[in-house]
């Protein structure tokens, strides 16, 4: 624009000089000399001013050329430092022309550097996640193979279970039918037991009557034996009387024989008495013998009757025991019948449940087969995913290379900002300030109300430290310069990751957001009393004022 202005002034001067010459040639200067003179003066002045502008623009062009040569070398930091250190030497036009370009270029480089850092961070996460996913996918694939084998086995087992349940169902039905038959037999046995018990009760009543009759008979036989014993005593008495009578008759016969003829009749009578006594004695002995036999028979009969009575009583007791057992059997059969009813009900319920289980087992077998098929499909899908993941890993490696190249391209414009010695010196002094703050109790406890004034005072007017910030473990700002956006996530930045590892960090030069000019970041961890990292202290370092 200024070159155009200088040309305009020179042209205007030449035109004015031409008009003055024209007036002189036409003879107007004789009558109007002041007009050509004024035009000549104006033309000369415009030409001089144009030449002045041309000279000034030429100087600006020379300055601009020197800066462009630096730009041709890619040394934008050198251009910026040249303008900064030679403040006032460059014309405003040059500064106004170059500074916007530098601002744009630095902004572009800064965006590229931050983007490359974020890309590297995200690619690193992606790489770790991809590796984790690959391992997980491999484990899942192995697990799915095992699941596939298990599913096939499960399908076989489910089918066997279904077959087994069908068998159990058939057996349960047979058990139910058998239980029903047993219940009927038990009912019949209970009725029969009642009948036998009743008949045994009647028989025992008859036996009791016989026992009573036998006891009476035994008593009578015993009494008869006692009477026969009395008869024997009477017969003995009669035998003694007969013996005495026989002796008296013998004595009377002897006396009659002595009496001779006069005693002959008495002798006949005595003889008859003797004979009668002998027959009486003989009859008494026979009666005694018969009575003895009768008494012995009576005793034997009494003994037999007594033994029979005892035997009957024993049988009666046994019969009562039998009746009691029959009653127990009857009750037992009743309980068995009730139990069989319960068994029948339970078995029927089991049959119902087994039927439902059989249906579920059938469905389970079908589902197991479907599961086995689905597992095979999933296994095939996992194979495809594994192949896709390998492709992704290849792409991630390429992204890592791209991010590295992008970062390298961006950093080549800022890496020569400071010499190695100057950078180490500034880093050492800046880290000392950060680490001293990190050891203060206000920072160890993250007491924001107490640490904020200490933080602001420590960095105020510092020659190197720019835009200090205290960042939490979530990557968000806890306290910082008010110009910084507290919603920005700083977790992807290398200085944050470096400090999280528990050691001080010194970064490479990069273009900062705060100044849009090169700086490098230093950071250190803030640890609590237990030595755990709880925050990160960081700051940009730049000595250019």
Foldseek 3Di string as FASTA:
>chain_A
DLLVQLVVLLVQLVVLLVVLVVCVVVVVCVVVVVRSVVSNVSSVVSNVVSVVSVVVVVVLVVVLVVLVVCVVVLQLLVSVVVCLVPPPPHDPVNCVVVVVVSLVVLVVLQVLQVVLLLLLLVLVVVLVVLVVVLVVLVVVLVVLVVVLVVLVVLLVVLVVVLVVLVVVLVVLVVLLVVLVVLLVVLVVLLVVLVVVLVVLVVVLVVLVVVLVVLVVLLVVLLVLLVVLVVLLVVLVVLLVVLVVLLVVLVVLLVVLVVVPPVSPVVNVVSVVSNVVSVVSNVVSVVSNVVSVVSSVVSVVSSVVSVVVSVVSVVVSVVSVVVSVVSVVSSVVSVVSSVVSVVSSVVSVVVSVVSVVVSVVSVVSSVVSVVVSVVSVVVSVVSVVVSVVSVVVSVVSVVSSVVSVVSNVVSQVNPQVSDDPVVLVVQLVVVVVLQVVLLPDQCNLVVVVVVSQVVVCVSPPPDQWWAWKFKFWPQQFTPDTPPVDDRVDRRCSHPQNVVQQVQAKDKAGWGQDPVPSHTWIKIKHFRHHPVRHGGIMIMTTTDNSD
